Amino acid sequence: MSALRIVITILFILDCLALTALVLMQEGKSAGLGAVAGMAETYWGKNKGRSMEGLLVKLTKVAAVLFMVLAVVLNLNVI
């Protein structure tokens, strides 16, 4: 096994752990049922992208893309 493959495998494992932790830290979608009653126009409803939940969503997307890229690279027989 080449050194590059070992490094990419370690990055892949760390990304898997980070992705799992990020998904488990997020609130469930049932927590947003206040939007049905018109609570979506509150301060937190408008600025959800700037909150901790918005940050978790963005980080989850980045970790998911990194997961897919690393999975494809590891599946190549070049390295």
N, C-alpha and C. Protein backbone atom coordinates (compact mmCIF):
# COMPACT_ATOMS: atom_id res chain seq x y z
N MET A 1 0.84 -1.18 0.00
CA MET A 1 0.00 0.00 0.00
C MET A 1 0.88 1.24 0.00
N SER A 2 0.62 2.13 -0.90
CA SER A 2 1.44 3.33 -0.99
C SER A 2 1.11 4.30 0.14
N ALA A 3 2.02 5.21 0.38
CA ALA A 3 1.84 6.17 1.46
C ALA A 3 0.66 7.09 1.17
N LEU A 4 0.45 7.45 -0.10
CA LEU A 4 -0.67 8.33 -0.46
C LEU A 4 -2.00 7.64 -0.17
N ARG A 5 -2.08 6.36 -0.47
CA ARG A 5 -3.32 5.62 -0.22
C ARG A 5 -3.61 5.53 1.28
N ILE A 6 -2.57 5.36 2.07
CA ILE A 6 -2.75 5.30 3.53
C ILE A 6 -3.25 6.64 4.05
N VAL A 7 -2.67 7.74 3.56
CA VAL A 7 -3.09 9.08 4.00
C VAL A 7 -4.55 9.33 3.60
N ILE A 8 -4.91 8.97 2.38
CA ILE A 8 -6.30 9.18 1.93
C ILE A 8 -7.27 8.30 2.71
N THR A 9 -6.85 7.09 3.05
CA THR A 9 -7.70 6.21 3.85
C THR A 9 -7.92 6.79 5.24
N ILE A 10 -6.88 7.34 5.84
CA ILE A 10 -7.02 7.96 7.16
C ILE A 10 -7.94 9.17 7.08
N LEU A 11 -7.78 10.00 6.03
CA LEU A 11 -8.69 11.14 5.84
C LEU A 11 -10.13 10.67 5.66
N PHE A 12 -10.31 9.57 4.95
CA PHE A 12 -11.65 9.02 4.72
C PHE A 12 -12.28 8.57 6.03
N ILE A 13 -11.51 7.91 6.87
CA ILE A 13 -12.03 7.44 8.16
C ILE A 13 -12.39 8.64 9.05
N LEU A 14 -11.53 9.65 9.08
CA LEU A 14 -11.83 10.85 9.88
C LEU A 14 -13.07 11.56 9.35
N ASP A 15 -13.22 11.61 8.03
CA ASP A 15 -14.40 12.24 7.45
C ASP A 15 -15.66 11.45 7.79
N CYS A 16 -15.56 10.14 7.78
CA CYS A 16 -16.72 9.31 8.16
C CYS A 16 -17.15 9.58 9.59
N LEU A 17 -16.18 9.67 10.49
CA LEU A 17 -16.50 9.96 11.89
C LEU A 17 -17.09 11.36 12.05
N ALA A 18 -16.51 12.33 11.34
CA ALA A 18 -17.02 13.70 11.42
C ALA A 18 -18.43 13.79 10.85
N LEU A 19 -18.67 13.11 9.74
CA LEU A 19 -20.00 13.14 9.13
C LEU A 19 -21.04 12.52 10.06
N THR A 20 -20.67 11.42 10.70
CA THR A 20 -21.59 10.78 11.65
C THR A 20 -21.90 11.71 12.81
N ALA A 21 -20.88 12.36 13.36
CA ALA A 21 -21.08 13.27 14.49
C ALA A 21 -21.93 14.47 14.07
N LEU A 22 -21.68 15.02 12.90
CA LEU A 22 -22.45 16.18 12.44
C LEU A 22 -23.92 15.85 12.24
N VAL A 23 -24.20 14.69 11.70
CA VAL A 23 -25.59 14.30 11.49
C VAL A 23 -26.29 14.07 12.83
N LEU A 24 -25.60 13.46 13.77
CA LEU A 24 -26.22 13.20 15.07
C LEU A 24 -26.41 14.47 15.90
N MET A 25 -25.62 15.51 15.64
CA MET A 25 -25.75 16.76 16.39
C MET A 25 -26.91 17.63 15.90
N GLN A 26 -27.42 17.37 14.71
CA GLN A 26 -28.49 18.20 14.16
C GLN A 26 -29.83 17.86 14.80
N GLU A 27 -30.70 18.86 14.80
CA GLU A 27 -32.06 18.66 15.29
C GLU A 27 -32.85 17.89 14.26
N GLY A 28 -33.87 17.20 14.72
CA GLY A 28 -34.74 16.50 13.79
C GLY A 28 -35.61 17.48 13.03
N LYS A 29 -36.10 17.06 11.88
CA LYS A 29 -36.95 17.94 11.08
C LYS A 29 -38.30 18.16 11.73
N SER A 30 -38.69 17.31 12.67
CA SER A 30 -39.96 17.51 13.35
C SER A 30 -39.90 18.73 14.28
N ALA A 31 -38.70 19.18 14.62
CA ALA A 31 -38.56 20.36 15.48
C ALA A 31 -39.00 21.62 14.76
N GLY A 32 -39.11 21.59 13.44
CA GLY A 32 -39.49 22.75 12.68
C GLY A 32 -40.98 22.82 12.38
N LEU A 33 -41.80 22.13 13.15
CA LEU A 33 -43.24 22.13 12.90
C LEU A 33 -43.90 23.45 13.28
N GLY A 34 -43.16 24.34 13.91
CA GLY A 34 -43.71 25.65 14.24
C GLY A 34 -43.99 26.47 12.99
N ALA A 35 -43.40 26.09 11.87
CA ALA A 35 -43.63 26.81 10.62
C ALA A 35 -45.07 26.65 10.16
N VAL A 36 -45.71 25.56 10.54
CA VAL A 36 -47.10 25.35 10.16
C VAL A 36 -47.99 26.38 10.85
N ALA A 37 -47.64 26.73 12.08
CA ALA A 37 -48.45 27.68 12.84
C ALA A 37 -48.04 29.12 12.58
N GLY A 38 -47.15 29.37 11.65
CA GLY A 38 -46.76 30.73 11.33
C GLY A 38 -45.59 31.25 12.11
N MET A 39 -44.85 30.39 12.77
CA MET A 39 -43.71 30.84 13.56
C MET A 39 -42.45 30.98 12.72
N ALA A 40 -42.54 30.75 11.42
CA ALA A 40 -41.36 30.85 10.56
C ALA A 40 -40.91 32.30 10.38
N GLU A 41 -41.74 33.27 10.72
CA GLU A 41 -41.40 34.67 10.55
C GLU A 41 -40.74 35.26 11.79
N THR A 42 -40.36 34.44 12.73
CA THR A 42 -39.66 34.93 13.91
C THR A 42 -38.20 35.19 13.56
N TYR A 43 -37.47 35.74 14.51
CA TYR A 43 -36.06 36.04 14.28
C TYR A 43 -35.29 34.77 13.93
N TRP A 44 -35.52 33.69 14.67
CA TRP A 44 -34.77 32.46 14.44
C TRP A 44 -35.19 31.80 13.14
N GLY A 45 -36.41 32.00 12.71
CA GLY A 45 -36.84 31.44 11.44
C GLY A 45 -36.18 32.12 10.26
N LYS A 46 -35.97 33.43 10.37
CA LYS A 46 -35.35 34.18 9.28
C LYS A 46 -33.84 33.99 9.24
N ASN A 47 -33.22 33.85 10.39
CA ASN A 47 -31.76 33.80 10.47
C ASN A 47 -31.24 32.41 10.81
N LYS A 48 -31.94 31.39 10.38
CA LYS A 48 -31.53 30.04 10.71
C LYS A 48 -30.18 29.69 10.07
N GLY A 49 -29.87 30.28 8.92
CA GLY A 49 -28.60 30.01 8.26
C GLY A 49 -27.41 30.53 9.03
N ARG A 50 -27.62 31.51 9.90
CA ARG A 50 -26.53 32.09 10.69
C ARG A 50 -26.42 31.46 12.06
N SER A 51 -27.31 30.58 12.40
CA SER A 51 -27.28 29.96 13.72
C SER A 51 -26.38 28.74 13.72
N MET A 52 -26.29 28.08 14.86
CA MET A 52 -25.48 26.87 14.98
C MET A 52 -26.06 25.76 14.10
N GLU A 53 -27.36 25.72 14.00
CA GLU A 53 -28.00 24.70 13.14
C GLU A 53 -27.63 24.92 11.67
N GLY A 54 -27.59 26.16 11.25
CA GLY A 54 -27.19 26.46 9.88
C GLY A 54 -25.74 26.08 9.62
N LEU A 55 -24.89 26.32 10.61
CA LEU A 55 -23.48 25.94 10.48
C LEU A 55 -23.33 24.42 10.38
N LEU A 56 -24.11 23.69 11.18
CA LEU A 56 -24.06 22.23 11.13
C LEU A 56 -24.51 21.71 9.76
N VAL A 57 -25.52 22.34 9.19
CA VAL A 57 -25.99 21.92 7.87
C VAL A 57 -24.91 22.16 6.82
N LYS A 58 -24.26 23.32 6.87
CA LYS A 58 -23.20 23.63 5.90
C LYS A 58 -22.02 22.66 6.05
N LEU A 59 -21.63 22.40 7.29
CA LEU A 59 -20.52 21.48 7.52
C LEU A 59 -20.86 20.06 7.09
N THR A 60 -22.12 19.67 7.25
CA THR A 60 -22.54 18.35 6.82
C THR A 60 -22.46 18.22 5.30
N LYS A 61 -22.84 19.28 4.60
CA LYS A 61 -22.74 19.25 3.14
C LYS A 61 -21.30 19.14 2.68
N VAL A 62 -20.41 19.88 3.32
CA VAL A 62 -18.99 19.83 2.97
C VAL A 62 -18.42 18.45 3.26
N ALA A 63 -18.77 17.88 4.42
CA ALA A 63 -18.27 16.55 4.78
C ALA A 63 -18.83 15.48 3.84
N ALA A 64 -20.07 15.64 3.39
CA ALA A 64 -20.66 14.67 2.47
C ALA A 64 -19.98 14.72 1.10
N VAL A 65 -19.68 15.92 0.62
CA VAL A 65 -18.98 16.03 -0.66
C VAL A 65 -17.57 15.45 -0.55
N LEU A 66 -16.89 15.76 0.54
CA LEU A 66 -15.55 15.20 0.76
C LEU A 66 -15.60 13.68 0.85
N PHE A 67 -16.64 13.15 1.49
CA PHE A 67 -16.83 11.70 1.58
C PHE A 67 -16.95 11.08 0.19
N MET A 68 -17.76 11.69 -0.65
CA MET A 68 -17.95 11.14 -2.00
C MET A 68 -16.66 11.22 -2.82
N VAL A 69 -15.95 12.34 -2.73
CA VAL A 69 -14.71 12.49 -3.49
C VAL A 69 -13.66 11.49 -3.03
N LEU A 70 -13.50 11.36 -1.72
CA LEU A 70 -12.53 10.41 -1.20
C LEU A 70 -12.91 8.97 -1.53
N ALA A 71 -14.20 8.65 -1.53
CA ALA A 71 -14.64 7.31 -1.89
C ALA A 71 -14.30 7.00 -3.35
N VAL A 72 -14.50 7.96 -4.22
CA VAL A 72 -14.17 7.74 -5.64
C VAL A 72 -12.66 7.60 -5.81
N VAL A 73 -11.88 8.44 -5.14
CA VAL A 73 -10.42 8.39 -5.27
C VAL A 73 -9.90 7.05 -4.73
N LEU A 74 -10.45 6.60 -3.61
CA LEU A 74 -10.00 5.32 -3.06
C LEU A 74 -10.39 4.15 -3.94
N ASN A 75 -11.45 4.30 -4.71
CA ASN A 75 -11.90 3.21 -5.57
C ASN A 75 -11.07 3.12 -6.85
N LEU A 76 -10.37 4.19 -7.19
CA LEU A 76 -9.50 4.15 -8.37
C LEU A 76 -8.31 3.23 -8.10
N ASN A 77 -7.85 2.57 -9.10
CA ASN A 77 -6.70 1.69 -8.94
C ASN A 77 -5.39 2.37 -9.30
N VAL A 78 -5.42 3.69 -9.41
CA VAL A 78 -4.24 4.44 -9.81
C VAL A 78 -3.29 4.62 -8.64
N ILE A 79 -3.85 4.91 -7.47
CA ILE A 79 -2.99 5.17 -6.30
C ILE A 79 -2.71 3.90 -5.54
